[in-house]
Amino acid sequence: MKSTLSWYKIAESREEIEFSPNGMAELEVSGKKICLGLHRDTLFACTHKCPHAGGILADGYLDASGNLVCPLHRYRFDPRNGRNVSGEGYFLKTFPLEIREEGVFIGIAGGSLFGG
């Protein structure tokens, strides 16, 4: 069964989002913490904790290839699809983003972080 997406406005524009020097930001959407990243003008969103040991991903960084690197154990994830690219076999939950005329929106399945 396919769940529907609920769309939440997170900013008026991409420029309004305040990224740290590491290209990361953390925000709360509908009571849930979300990690945002910006790499070469591409915006992405994922859960705020690493699926391995719970590292806060906004405290990590983006490597030269645009992979999200966890600050605890340096596990790397492709933020476009959540795949673990350093070989440990974990999967990072990602969220679609849309930049619309009326702002930047994030889609969350079933209104929750884990689908439904």
PDB file of N, CA and C in Angstrom:
ATOM      1  N   MET A   1       0.839  -1.182   0.000  1.00  0.00           N
ATOM      2  CA  MET A   1       0.000   0.000   0.000  1.00  0.00           C
ATOM      3  C   MET A   1       0.880   1.240   0.000  1.00  0.00           C
ATOM      4  N   LYS A   2       0.634   2.136  -0.922  1.00  0.00           N
ATOM      5  CA  LYS A   2       1.425   3.341  -1.053  1.00  0.00           C
ATOM      6  C   LYS A   2       0.862   4.428  -0.135  1.00  0.00           C
ATOM      7  N   SER A   3       1.734   5.038   0.655  1.00  0.00           N
ATOM      8  CA  SER A   3       1.271   6.106   1.533  1.00  0.00           C
ATOM      9  C   SER A   3       1.328   7.437   0.786  1.00  0.00           C
ATOM     10  N   THR A   4       0.501   8.352   1.201  1.00  0.00           N
ATOM     11  CA  THR A   4       0.467   9.665   0.573  1.00  0.00           C
ATOM     12  C   THR A   4       1.425  10.599   1.297  1.00  0.00           C
ATOM     13  N   LEU A   5       1.884  11.603   0.574  1.00  0.00           N
ATOM     14  CA  LEU A   5       2.784  12.579   1.170  1.00  0.00           C
ATOM     15  C   LEU A   5       1.996  13.768   1.697  1.00  0.00           C
ATOM     16  N   SER A   6       2.405  14.225   2.865  1.00  0.00           N
ATOM     17  CA  SER A   6       1.926  15.492   3.390  1.00  0.00           C
ATOM     18  C   SER A   6       3.048  16.484   3.142  1.00  0.00           C
ATOM     19  N   TRP A   7       2.724  17.644   2.564  1.00  0.00           N
ATOM     20  CA  TRP A   7       3.740  18.640   2.228  1.00  0.00           C
ATOM     21  C   TRP A   7       3.723  19.765   3.250  1.00  0.00           C
ATOM     22  N   TYR A   8       4.901  20.129   3.733  1.00  0.00           N
ATOM     23  CA  TYR A   8       5.060  21.181   4.738  1.00  0.00           C
ATOM     24  C   TYR A   8       6.000  22.251   4.200  1.00  0.00           C
ATOM     25  N   LYS A   9       5.594  23.480   4.338  1.00  0.00           N
ATOM     26  CA  LYS A   9       6.438  24.602   3.924  1.00  0.00           C
ATOM     27  C   LYS A   9       7.510  24.816   4.984  1.00  0.00           C
ATOM     28  N   ILE A  10       8.782  24.825   4.554  1.00  0.00           N
ATOM     29  CA  ILE A  10       9.881  24.997   5.518  1.00  0.00           C
ATOM     30  C   ILE A  10      10.590  26.334   5.376  1.00  0.00           C
ATOM     31  N   ALA A  11      10.380  27.043   4.254  1.00  0.00           N
ATOM     32  CA  ALA A  11      11.017  28.346   4.059  1.00  0.00           C
ATOM     33  C   ALA A  11      10.337  29.069   2.902  1.00  0.00           C
ATOM     34  N   GLU A  12      10.491  30.365   2.887  1.00  0.00           N
ATOM     35  CA  GLU A  12       9.974  31.169   1.771  1.00  0.00           C
ATOM     36  C   GLU A  12      10.809  30.935   0.510  1.00  0.00           C
ATOM     37  N   SER A  13      12.115  30.709   0.707  1.00  0.00           N
ATOM     38  CA  SER A  13      13.034  30.454  -0.406  1.00  0.00           C
ATOM     39  C   SER A  13      14.233  29.677   0.129  1.00  0.00           C
ATOM     40  N   ARG A  14      15.021  29.100  -0.756  1.00  0.00           N
ATOM     41  CA  ARG A  14      16.211  28.358  -0.336  1.00  0.00           C
ATOM     42  C   ARG A  14      17.203  29.274   0.379  1.00  0.00           C
ATOM     43  N   GLU A  15      17.269  30.515  -0.079  1.00  0.00           N
ATOM     44  CA  GLU A  15      18.209  31.479   0.514  1.00  0.00           C
ATOM     45  C   GLU A  15      17.860  31.810   1.964  1.00  0.00           C
ATOM     46  N   GLU A  16      16.621  31.593   2.352  1.00  0.00           N
ATOM     47  CA  GLU A  16      16.185  31.878   3.722  1.00  0.00           C
ATOM     48  C   GLU A  16      16.708  30.845   4.731  1.00  0.00           C
ATOM     49  N   ILE A  17      17.048  29.646   4.261  1.00  0.00           N
ATOM     50  CA  ILE A  17      17.517  28.586   5.150  1.00  0.00           C
ATOM     51  C   ILE A  17      18.949  28.892   5.586  1.00  0.00           C
ATOM     52  N   GLU A  18      19.178  28.875   6.888  1.00  0.00           N
ATOM     53  CA  GLU A  18      20.499  29.191   7.425  1.00  0.00           C
ATOM     54  C   GLU A  18      21.315  27.912   7.594  1.00  0.00           C
ATOM     55  N   PHE A  19      22.264  27.716   6.689  1.00  0.00           N
ATOM     56  CA  PHE A  19      23.143  26.551   6.751  1.00  0.00           C
ATOM     57  C   PHE A  19      24.398  26.905   7.536  1.00  0.00           C
ATOM     58  N   SER A  20      24.902  25.932   8.290  1.00  0.00           N
ATOM     59  CA  SER A  20      26.161  26.116   9.004  1.00  0.00           C
ATOM     60  C   SER A  20      27.292  26.090   7.970  1.00  0.00           C
ATOM     61  N   PRO A  21      28.505  26.425   8.365  1.00  0.00           N
ATOM     62  CA  PRO A  21      29.631  26.394   7.422  1.00  0.00           C
ATOM     63  C   PRO A  21      29.858  25.016   6.784  1.00  0.00           C
ATOM     64  N   ASN A  22      29.370  23.944   7.422  1.00  0.00           N
ATOM     65  CA  ASN A  22      29.525  22.598   6.866  1.00  0.00           C
ATOM     66  C   ASN A  22      28.426  22.250   5.856  1.00  0.00           C
ATOM     67  N   GLY A  23      27.558  23.225   5.523  1.00  0.00           N
ATOM     68  CA  GLY A  23      26.505  23.008   4.543  1.00  0.00           C
ATOM     69  C   GLY A  23      25.282  22.292   5.076  1.00  0.00           C
ATOM     70  N   MET A  24      25.153  22.234   6.398  1.00  0.00           N
ATOM     71  CA  MET A  24      24.068  21.483   7.018  1.00  0.00           C
ATOM     72  C   MET A  24      23.175  22.409   7.847  1.00  0.00           C
ATOM     73  N   ALA A  25      21.933  21.970   8.048  1.00  0.00           N
ATOM     74  CA  ALA A  25      20.987  22.686   8.900  1.00  0.00           C
ATOM     75  C   ALA A  25      20.062  21.657   9.531  1.00  0.00           C
ATOM     76  N   GLU A  26      19.496  22.009  10.670  1.00  0.00           N
ATOM     77  CA  GLU A  26      18.514  21.139  11.316  1.00  0.00           C
ATOM     78  C   GLU A  26      17.286  21.980  11.602  1.00  0.00           C
ATOM     79  N   LEU A  27      16.116  21.411  11.325  1.00  0.00           N
ATOM     80  CA  LEU A  27      14.887  22.118  11.614  1.00  0.00           C
ATOM     81  C   LEU A  27      13.831  21.138  12.076  1.00  0.00           C
ATOM     82  N   GLU A  28      12.774  21.682  12.608  1.00  0.00           N
ATOM     83  CA  GLU A  28      11.675  20.851  13.080  1.00  0.00           C
ATOM     84  C   GLU A  28      10.486  21.031  12.147  1.00  0.00           C
ATOM     85  N   VAL A  29       9.923  19.917  11.711  1.00  0.00           N
ATOM     86  CA  VAL A  29       8.775  19.926  10.809  1.00  0.00           C
ATOM     87  C   VAL A  29       7.691  19.058  11.431  1.00  0.00           C
ATOM     88  N   SER A  30       6.581  19.654  11.738  1.00  0.00           N
ATOM     89  CA  SER A  30       5.455  18.927  12.328  1.00  0.00           C
ATOM     90  C   SER A  30       5.893  18.096  13.538  1.00  0.00           C
ATOM     91  N   GLY A  31       6.739  18.683  14.389  1.00  0.00           N
ATOM     92  CA  GLY A  31       7.197  18.025  15.604  1.00  0.00           C
ATOM     93  C   GLY A  31       8.337  17.039  15.412  1.00  0.00           C
ATOM     94  N   LYS A  32       8.881  16.930  14.196  1.00  0.00           N
ATOM     95  CA  LYS A  32       9.973  15.993  13.896  1.00  0.00           C
ATOM     96  C   LYS A  32      11.228  16.764  13.506  1.00  0.00           C
ATOM     97  N   LYS A  33      12.380  16.300  13.956  1.00  0.00           N
ATOM     98  CA  LYS A  33      13.638  16.927  13.561  1.00  0.00           C
ATOM     99  C   LYS A  33      14.085  16.374  12.215  1.00  0.00           C
ATOM    100  N   ILE A  34      14.501  17.285  11.334  1.00  0.00           N
ATOM    101  CA  ILE A  34      14.933  16.958   9.980  1.00  0.00           C
ATOM    102  C   ILE A  34      16.303  17.594   9.751  1.00  0.00           C
ATOM    103  N   CYS A  35      17.162  16.875   9.051  1.00  0.00           N
ATOM    104  CA  CYS A  35      18.465  17.400   8.650  1.00  0.00           C
ATOM    105  C   CYS A  35      18.352  17.856   7.197  1.00  0.00           C
ATOM    106  N   LEU A  36      18.805  19.069   6.927  1.00  0.00           N
ATOM    107  CA  LEU A  36      18.875  19.593   5.564  1.00  0.00           C
ATOM    108  C   LEU A  36      20.331  19.784   5.192  1.00  0.00           C
ATOM    109  N   GLY A  37      20.613  19.602   3.918  1.00  0.00           N
ATOM    110  CA  GLY A  37      21.964  19.832   3.429  1.00  0.00           C
ATOM    111  C   GLY A  37      21.922  20.540   2.098  1.00  0.00           C
ATOM    112  N   LEU A  38      23.000  21.223   1.789  1.00  0.00           N
ATOM    113  CA  LEU A  38      23.128  21.932   0.517  1.00  0.00           C
ATOM    114  C   LEU A  38      24.496  21.608  -0.060  1.00  0.00           C
ATOM    115  N   HIS A  39      24.477  21.012  -1.261  1.00  0.00           N
ATOM    116  CA  HIS A  39      25.730  20.677  -1.941  1.00  0.00           C
ATOM    117  C   HIS A  39      25.620  21.099  -3.397  1.00  0.00           C
ATOM    118  N   ARG A  40      26.477  22.012  -3.817  1.00  0.00           N
ATOM    119  CA  ARG A  40      26.492  22.494  -5.208  1.00  0.00           C
ATOM    120  C   ARG A  40      25.100  22.860  -5.701  1.00  0.00           C
ATOM    121  N   ASP A  41      24.423  23.693  -4.953  1.00  0.00           N
ATOM    122  CA  ASP A  41      23.082  24.188  -5.282  1.00  0.00           C
ATOM    123  C   ASP A  41      21.992  23.130  -5.242  1.00  0.00           C
ATOM    124  N   THR A  42      22.293  21.937  -4.723  1.00  0.00           N
ATOM    125  CA  THR A  42      21.274  20.903  -4.577  1.00  0.00           C
ATOM    126  C   THR A  42      20.920  20.759  -3.103  1.00  0.00           C
ATOM    127  N   LEU A  43      19.647  20.882  -2.818  1.00  0.00           N
ATOM    128  CA  LEU A  43      19.129  20.796  -1.460  1.00  0.00           C
ATOM    129  C   LEU A  43      18.614  19.383  -1.218  1.00  0.00           C
ATOM    130  N   PHE A  44      18.866  18.834  -0.031  1.00  0.00           N
ATOM    131  CA  PHE A  44      18.332  17.518   0.328  1.00  0.00           C
ATOM    132  C   PHE A  44      17.851  17.525   1.765  1.00  0.00           C
ATOM    133  N   ALA A  45      17.028  16.522   2.096  1.00  0.00           N
ATOM    134  CA  ALA A  45      16.497  16.384   3.459  1.00  0.00           C
ATOM    135  C   ALA A  45      16.512  14.915   3.861  1.00  0.00           C
ATOM    136  N   CYS A  46      16.833  14.665   5.138  1.00  0.00           N
ATOM    137  CA  CYS A  46      16.850  13.302   5.671  1.00  0.00           C
ATOM    138  C   CYS A  46      16.562  13.356   7.169  1.00  0.00           C
ATOM    139  N   THR A  47      16.452  12.165   7.774  1.00  0.00           N
ATOM    140  CA  THR A  47      16.278  12.120   9.223  1.00  0.00           C
ATOM    141  C   THR A  47      17.481  12.780   9.891  1.00  0.00           C
ATOM    142  N   HIS A  48      17.312  13.234  11.106  1.00  0.00           N
ATOM    143  CA  HIS A  48      18.398  13.992  11.730  1.00  0.00           C
ATOM    144  C   HIS A  48      19.426  13.115  12.436  1.00  0.00           C
ATOM    145  N   LYS A  49      19.137  11.810  12.599  1.00  0.00           N
ATOM    146  CA  LYS A  49      20.087  10.916  13.268  1.00  0.00           C
ATOM    147  C   LYS A  49      20.561   9.821  12.326  1.00  0.00           C
ATOM    148  N   CYS A  50      21.814   9.456  12.451  1.00  0.00           N
ATOM    149  CA  CYS A  50      22.393   8.362  11.674  1.00  0.00           C
ATOM    150  C   CYS A  50      21.731   7.044  12.098  1.00  0.00           C
ATOM    151  N   PRO A  51      21.392   6.176  11.141  1.00  0.00           N
ATOM    152  CA  PRO A  51      20.761   4.904  11.498  1.00  0.00           C
ATOM    153  C   PRO A  51      21.699   3.932  12.208  1.00  0.00           C
ATOM    154  N   HIS A  52      22.984   4.196  12.203  1.00  0.00           N
ATOM    155  CA  HIS A  52      23.935   3.291  12.853  1.00  0.00           C
ATOM    156  C   HIS A  52      23.970   3.502  14.361  1.00  0.00           C
ATOM    157  N   ALA A  53      24.386   4.687  14.797  1.00  0.00           N
ATOM    158  CA  ALA A  53      24.555   4.917  16.233  1.00  0.00           C
ATOM    159  C   ALA A  53      23.913   6.217  16.716  1.00  0.00           C
ATOM    160  N   GLY A  54      23.069   6.815  15.886  1.00  0.00           N
ATOM    161  CA  GLY A  54      22.324   7.992  16.324  1.00  0.00           C
ATOM    162  C   GLY A  54      23.069   9.301  16.287  1.00  0.00           C
ATOM    163  N   GLY A  55      24.176   9.370  15.557  1.00  0.00           N
ATOM    164  CA  GLY A  55      24.904  10.640  15.436  1.00  0.00           C
ATOM    165  C   GLY A  55      24.012  11.706  14.814  1.00  0.00           C
ATOM    166  N   ILE A  56      24.148  12.935  15.281  1.00  0.00           N
ATOM    167  CA  ILE A  56      23.358  14.054  14.749  1.00  0.00           C
ATOM    168  C   ILE A  56      23.974  14.463  13.411  1.00  0.00           C
ATOM    169  N   LEU A  57      23.245  14.189  12.334  1.00  0.00           N
ATOM    170  CA  LEU A  57      23.802  14.370  10.997  1.00  0.00           C
ATOM    171  C   LEU A  57      24.098  15.826  10.653  1.00  0.00           C
ATOM    172  N   ALA A  58      23.370  16.765  11.226  1.00  0.00           N
ATOM    173  CA  ALA A  58      23.656  18.177  10.972  1.00  0.00           C
ATOM    174  C   ALA A  58      25.029  18.576  11.524  1.00  0.00           C
ATOM    175  N   ASP A  59      25.582  17.761  12.428  1.00  0.00           N
ATOM    176  CA  ASP A  59      26.933  18.005  12.954  1.00  0.00           C
ATOM    177  C   ASP A  59      27.998  17.361  12.071  1.00  0.00           C
ATOM    178  N   GLY A  60      27.567  16.602  11.066  1.00  0.00           N
ATOM    179  CA  GLY A  60      28.483  15.974  10.128  1.00  0.00           C
ATOM    180  C   GLY A  60      28.867  16.952   9.036  1.00  0.00           C
ATOM    181  N   TYR A  61      29.203  16.406   7.880  1.00  0.00           N
ATOM    182  CA  TYR A  61      29.583  17.271   6.770  1.00  0.00           C
ATOM    183  C   TYR A  61      29.334  16.555   5.447  1.00  0.00           C
ATOM    184  N   LEU A  62      29.458  17.295   4.366  1.00  0.00           N
ATOM    185  CA  LEU A  62      29.326  16.749   3.023  1.00  0.00           C
ATOM    186  C   LEU A  62      30.723  16.616   2.429  1.00  0.00           C
ATOM    187  N   ASP A  63      31.045  15.419   1.918  1.00  0.00           N
ATOM    188  CA  ASP A  63      32.360  15.237   1.313  1.00  0.00           C
ATOM    189  C   ASP A  63      32.373  15.825  -0.100  1.00  0.00           C
ATOM    190  N   ALA A  64      33.492  15.740  -0.791  1.00  0.00           N
ATOM    191  CA  ALA A  64      33.639  16.336  -2.118  1.00  0.00           C
ATOM    192  C   ALA A  64      32.653  15.758  -3.131  1.00  0.00           C
ATOM    193  N   SER A  65      32.203  14.527  -2.919  1.00  0.00           N
ATOM    194  CA  SER A  65      31.240  13.895  -3.823  1.00  0.00           C
ATOM    195  C   SER A  65      29.797  14.203  -3.468  1.00  0.00           C
ATOM    196  N   GLY A  66      29.581  14.930  -2.371  1.00  0.00           N
ATOM    197  CA  GLY A  66      28.234  15.269  -1.943  1.00  0.00           C
ATOM    198  C   GLY A  66      27.608  14.259  -1.010  1.00  0.00           C
ATOM    199  N   ASN A  67      28.394  13.300  -0.525  1.00  0.00           N
ATOM    200  CA  ASN A  67      27.883  12.315   0.430  1.00  0.00           C
ATOM    201  C   ASN A  67      27.832  12.915   1.822  1.00  0.00           C
ATOM    202  N   LEU A  68      26.795  12.573   2.554  1.00  0.00           N
ATOM    203  CA  LEU A  68      26.636  13.017   3.933  1.00  0.00           C
ATOM    204  C   LEU A  68      27.462  12.107   4.829  1.00  0.00           C
ATOM    205  N   VAL A  69      28.332  12.704   5.642  1.00  0.00           N
ATOM    206  CA  VAL A  69      29.235  11.947   6.501  1.00  0.00           C
ATOM    207  C   VAL A  69      28.814  12.139   7.952  1.00  0.00           C
ATOM    208  N   CYS A  70      28.516  11.029   8.632  1.00  0.00           N
ATOM    209  CA  CYS A  70      28.112  11.073  10.033  1.00  0.00           C
ATOM    210  C   CYS A  70      29.299  11.512  10.898  1.00  0.00           C
ATOM    211  N   PRO A  71      29.068  12.377  11.894  1.00  0.00           N
ATOM    212  CA  PRO A  71      30.172  12.851  12.723  1.00  0.00           C
ATOM    213  C   PRO A  71      30.730  11.800  13.690  1.00  0.00           C
ATOM    214  N   LEU A  72      29.992  10.726  13.978  1.00  0.00           N
ATOM    215  CA  LEU A  72      30.469   9.747  14.965  1.00  0.00           C
ATOM    216  C   LEU A  72      31.474   8.749  14.397  1.00  0.00           C
ATOM    217  N   HIS A  73      31.085   8.030  13.352  1.00  0.00           N
ATOM    218  CA  HIS A  73      31.929   6.956  12.833  1.00  0.00           C
ATOM    219  C   HIS A  73      32.287   7.134  11.366  1.00  0.00           C
ATOM    220  N   ARG A  74      31.938   8.295  10.806  1.00  0.00           N
ATOM    221  CA  ARG A  74      32.271   8.648   9.420  1.00  0.00           C
ATOM    222  C   ARG A  74      31.575   7.761   8.378  1.00  0.00           C
ATOM    223  N   TYR A  75      30.453   7.142   8.733  1.00  0.00           N
ATOM    224  CA  TYR A  75      29.670   6.411   7.738  1.00  0.00           C
ATOM    225  C   TYR A  75      29.162   7.436   6.734  1.00  0.00           C
ATOM    226  N   ARG A  76      29.118   7.051   5.475  1.00  0.00           N
ATOM    227  CA  ARG A  76      28.739   7.972   4.406  1.00  0.00           C
ATOM    228  C   ARG A  76      27.442   7.509   3.737  1.00  0.00           C
ATOM    229  N   PHE A  77      26.598   8.493   3.416  1.00  0.00           N
ATOM    230  CA  PHE A  77      25.309   8.228   2.794  1.00  0.00           C
ATOM    231  C   PHE A  77      25.112   9.136   1.588  1.00  0.00           C
ATOM    232  N   ASP A  78      24.530   8.586   0.543  1.00  0.00           N
ATOM    233  CA  ASP A  78      24.147   9.376  -0.619  1.00  0.00           C
ATOM    234  C   ASP A  78      22.816  10.042  -0.271  1.00  0.00           C
ATOM    235  N   PRO A  79      22.781  11.360  -0.127  1.00  0.00           N
ATOM    236  CA  PRO A  79      21.547  12.021   0.316  1.00  0.00           C
ATOM    237  C   PRO A  79      20.432  12.007  -0.727  1.00  0.00           C
ATOM    238  N   ARG A  80      20.739  11.623  -1.965  1.00  0.00           N
ATOM    239  CA  ARG A  80      19.700  11.555  -2.996  1.00  0.00           C
ATOM    240  C   ARG A  80      18.807  10.333  -2.822  1.00  0.00           C
ATOM    241  N   ASN A  81      19.367   9.242  -2.277  1.00  0.00           N
ATOM    242  CA  ASN A  81      18.577   8.012  -2.157  1.00  0.00           C
ATOM    243  C   ASN A  81      18.731   7.304  -0.805  1.00  0.00           C
ATOM    244  N   GLY A  82      19.587   7.815   0.076  1.00  0.00           N
ATOM    245  CA  GLY A  82      19.757   7.246   1.410  1.00  0.00           C
ATOM    246  C   GLY A  82      20.686   6.049   1.485  1.00  0.00           C
ATOM    247  N   ARG A  83      21.265   5.642   0.357  1.00  0.00           N
ATOM    248  CA  ARG A  83      22.149   4.467   0.366  1.00  0.00           C
ATOM    249  C   ARG A  83      23.447   4.751   1.104  1.00  0.00           C
ATOM    250  N   ASN A  84      23.856   3.773   1.877  1.00  0.00           N
ATOM    251  CA  ASN A  84      25.124   3.820   2.598  1.00  0.00           C
ATOM    252  C   ASN A  84      26.230   3.508   1.585  1.00  0.00           C
ATOM    253  N   VAL A  85      27.103   4.478   1.305  1.00  0.00           N
ATOM    254  CA  VAL A  85      28.123   4.305   0.266  1.00  0.00           C
ATOM    255  C   VAL A  85      29.490   3.910   0.821  1.00  0.00           C
ATOM    256  N   SER A  86      29.602   3.785   2.149  1.00  0.00           N
ATOM    257  CA  SER A  86      30.879   3.368   2.733  1.00  0.00           C
ATOM    258  C   SER A  86      30.882   1.884   3.070  1.00  0.00           C
ATOM    259  N   GLY A  87      29.800   1.167   2.733  1.00  0.00           N
ATOM    260  CA  GLY A  87      29.801  -0.282   2.792  1.00  0.00           C
ATOM    261  C   GLY A  87      29.264  -0.958   4.036  1.00  0.00           C
ATOM    262  N   GLU A  88      28.710  -0.218   4.982  1.00  0.00           N
ATOM    263  CA  GLU A  88      28.241  -0.852   6.219  1.00  0.00           C
ATOM    264  C   GLU A  88      26.833  -1.430   6.104  1.00  0.00           C
ATOM    265  N   GLY A  89      26.087  -1.067   5.068  1.00  0.00           N
ATOM    266  CA  GLY A  89      24.776  -1.662   4.844  1.00  0.00           C
ATOM    267  C   GLY A  89      23.590  -0.950   5.462  1.00  0.00           C
ATOM    268  N   TYR A  90      23.785   0.238   6.004  1.00  0.00           N
ATOM    269  CA  TYR A  90      22.670   0.983   6.595  1.00  0.00           C
ATOM    270  C   TYR A  90      21.932   1.769   5.525  1.00  0.00           C
ATOM    271  N   PHE A  91      20.736   2.228   5.861  1.00  0.00           N
ATOM    272  CA  PHE A  91      19.923   3.009   4.942  1.00  0.00           C
ATOM    273  C   PHE A  91      19.417   4.242   5.670  1.00  0.00           C
ATOM    274  N   LEU A  92      19.587   5.398   5.056  1.00  0.00           N
ATOM    275  CA  LEU A  92      19.179   6.669   5.633  1.00  0.00           C
ATOM    276  C   LEU A  92      17.846   7.099   5.027  1.00  0.00           C
ATOM    277  N   LYS A  93      16.868   7.391   5.857  1.00  0.00           N
ATOM    278  CA  LYS A  93      15.562   7.852   5.386  1.00  0.00           C
ATOM    279  C   LYS A  93      15.706   9.263   4.815  1.00  0.00           C
ATOM    280  N   THR A  94      15.278   9.433   3.571  1.00  0.00           N
ATOM    281  CA  THR A  94      15.332  10.743   2.917  1.00  0.00           C
ATOM    282  C   THR A  94      13.918  11.235   2.628  1.00  0.00           C
ATOM    283  N   PHE A  95      13.800  12.518   2.366  1.00  0.00           N
ATOM    284  CA  PHE A  95      12.515  13.146   2.113  1.00  0.00           C
ATOM    285  C   PHE A  95      12.582  13.998   0.853  1.00  0.00           C
ATOM    286  N   PRO A  96      11.519  13.973   0.037  1.00  0.00           N
ATOM    287  CA  PRO A  96      11.520  14.818  -1.155  1.00  0.00           C
ATOM    288  C   PRO A  96      11.354  16.287  -0.790  1.00  0.00           C
ATOM    289  N   LEU A  97      11.978  17.122  -1.578  1.00  0.00           N
ATOM    290  CA  LEU A  97      11.849  18.568  -1.427  1.00  0.00           C
ATOM    291  C   LEU A  97      11.355  19.141  -2.742  1.00  0.00           C
ATOM    292  N   GLU A  98      10.561  20.177  -2.661  1.00  0.00           N
ATOM    293  CA  GLU A  98      10.117  20.897  -3.853  1.00  0.00           C
ATOM    294  C   GLU A  98      10.298  22.384  -3.609  1.00  0.00           C
ATOM    295  N   ILE A  99      10.912  23.037  -4.593  1.00  0.00           N
ATOM    296  CA  ILE A  99      11.002  24.489  -4.552  1.00  0.00           C
ATOM    297  C   ILE A  99       9.900  25.001  -5.470  1.00  0.00           C
ATOM    298  N   ARG A 100       8.919  25.641  -4.857  1.00  0.00           N
ATOM    299  CA  ARG A 100       7.749  26.146  -5.576  1.00  0.00           C
ATOM    300  C   ARG A 100       7.764  27.670  -5.537  1.00  0.00           C
ATOM    301  N   GLU A 101       6.870  28.258  -6.306  1.00  0.00           N
ATOM    302  CA  GLU A 101       6.760  29.711  -6.326  1.00  0.00           C
ATOM    303  C   GLU A 101       6.470  30.254  -4.929  1.00  0.00           C
ATOM    304  N   GLU A 102       5.680  29.492  -4.148  1.00  0.00           N
ATOM    305  CA  GLU A 102       5.294  29.975  -2.816  1.00  0.00           C
ATOM    306  C   GLU A 102       6.247  29.554  -1.698  1.00  0.00           C
ATOM    307  N   GLY A 103       7.353  28.851  -2.033  1.00  0.00           N
ATOM    308  CA  GLY A 103       8.346  28.509  -1.012  1.00  0.00           C
ATOM    309  C   GLY A 103       8.969  27.141  -1.202  1.00  0.00           C
ATOM    310  N   VAL A 104       9.701  26.708  -0.172  1.00  0.00           N
ATOM    311  CA  VAL A 104      10.366  25.401  -0.162  1.00  0.00           C
ATOM    312  C   VAL A 104       9.517  24.464   0.693  1.00  0.00           C
ATOM    313  N   PHE A 105       9.213  23.275   0.138  1.00  0.00           N
ATOM    314  CA  PHE A 105       8.346  22.321   0.809  1.00  0.00           C
ATOM    315  C   PHE A 105       9.037  20.969   0.954  1.00  0.00           C
ATOM    316  N   ILE A 106       8.722  20.283   2.058  1.00  0.00           N
ATOM    317  CA  ILE A 106       9.218  18.927   2.289  1.00  0.00           C
ATOM    318  C   ILE A 106       8.015  17.987   2.325  1.00  0.00           C
ATOM    319  N   GLY A 107       8.177  16.812   1.730  1.00  0.00           N
ATOM    320  CA  GLY A 107       7.122  15.814   1.725  1.00  0.00           C
ATOM    321  C   GLY A 107       7.420  14.706   2.721  1.00  0.00           C
ATOM    322  N   ILE A 108       6.483  14.443   3.614  1.00  0.00           N
ATOM    323  CA  ILE A 108       6.648  13.398   4.611  1.00  0.00           C
ATOM    324  C   ILE A 108       5.518  12.385   4.441  1.00  0.00           C
ATOM    325  N   ALA A 109       5.882  11.135   4.207  1.00  0.00           N
ATOM    326  CA  ALA A 109       4.896  10.087   3.953  1.00  0.00           C
ATOM    327  C   ALA A 109       4.001   9.858   5.151  1.00  0.00           C
ATOM    328  N   GLY A 110       2.704   9.833   4.899  1.00  0.00           N
ATOM    329  CA  GLY A 110       1.738   9.528   5.939  1.00  0.00           C
ATOM    330  C   GLY A 110       1.763  10.489   7.100  1.00  0.00           C
ATOM    331  N   GLY A 111       2.418  11.625   6.937  1.00  0.00           N
ATOM    332  CA  GLY A 111       2.494  12.610   8.014  1.00  0.00           C
ATOM    333  C   GLY A 111       3.472  12.213   9.104  1.00  0.00           C
ATOM    334  N   SER A 112       4.303  11.139   8.864  1.00  0.00           N
ATOM    335  CA  SER A 112       5.277  10.740   9.859  1.00  0.00           C
ATOM    336  C   SER A 112       6.622  10.490   9.205  1.00  0.00           C
ATOM    337  N   LEU A 113       7.659  10.381   9.986  1.00  0.00           N
ATOM    338  CA  LEU A 113       8.996  10.174   9.444  1.00  0.00           C
ATOM    339  C   LEU A 113       9.204   8.771   8.899  1.00  0.00           C
ATOM    340  N   PHE A 114       8.420   7.809   9.315  1.00  0.00           N
ATOM    341  CA  PHE A 114       8.681   6.430   8.962  1.00  0.00           C
ATOM    342  C   PHE A 114       7.629   5.832   8.037  1.00  0.00           C
ATOM    343  N   GLY A 115       6.876   6.698   7.369  1.00  0.00           N
ATOM    344  CA  GLY A 115       5.847   6.195   6.460  1.00  0.00           C
ATOM    345  C   GLY A 115       4.638   5.704   7.227  1.00  0.00           C
ATOM    346  N   GLY A 116       3.731   5.078   6.521  1.00  0.00           N
ATOM    347  CA  GLY A 116       2.587   4.605   7.272  1.00  0.00           C
ATOM    348  C   GLY A 116       1.466   4.175   6.396  1.00  0.00           C
TER     349      GLY A 116
END
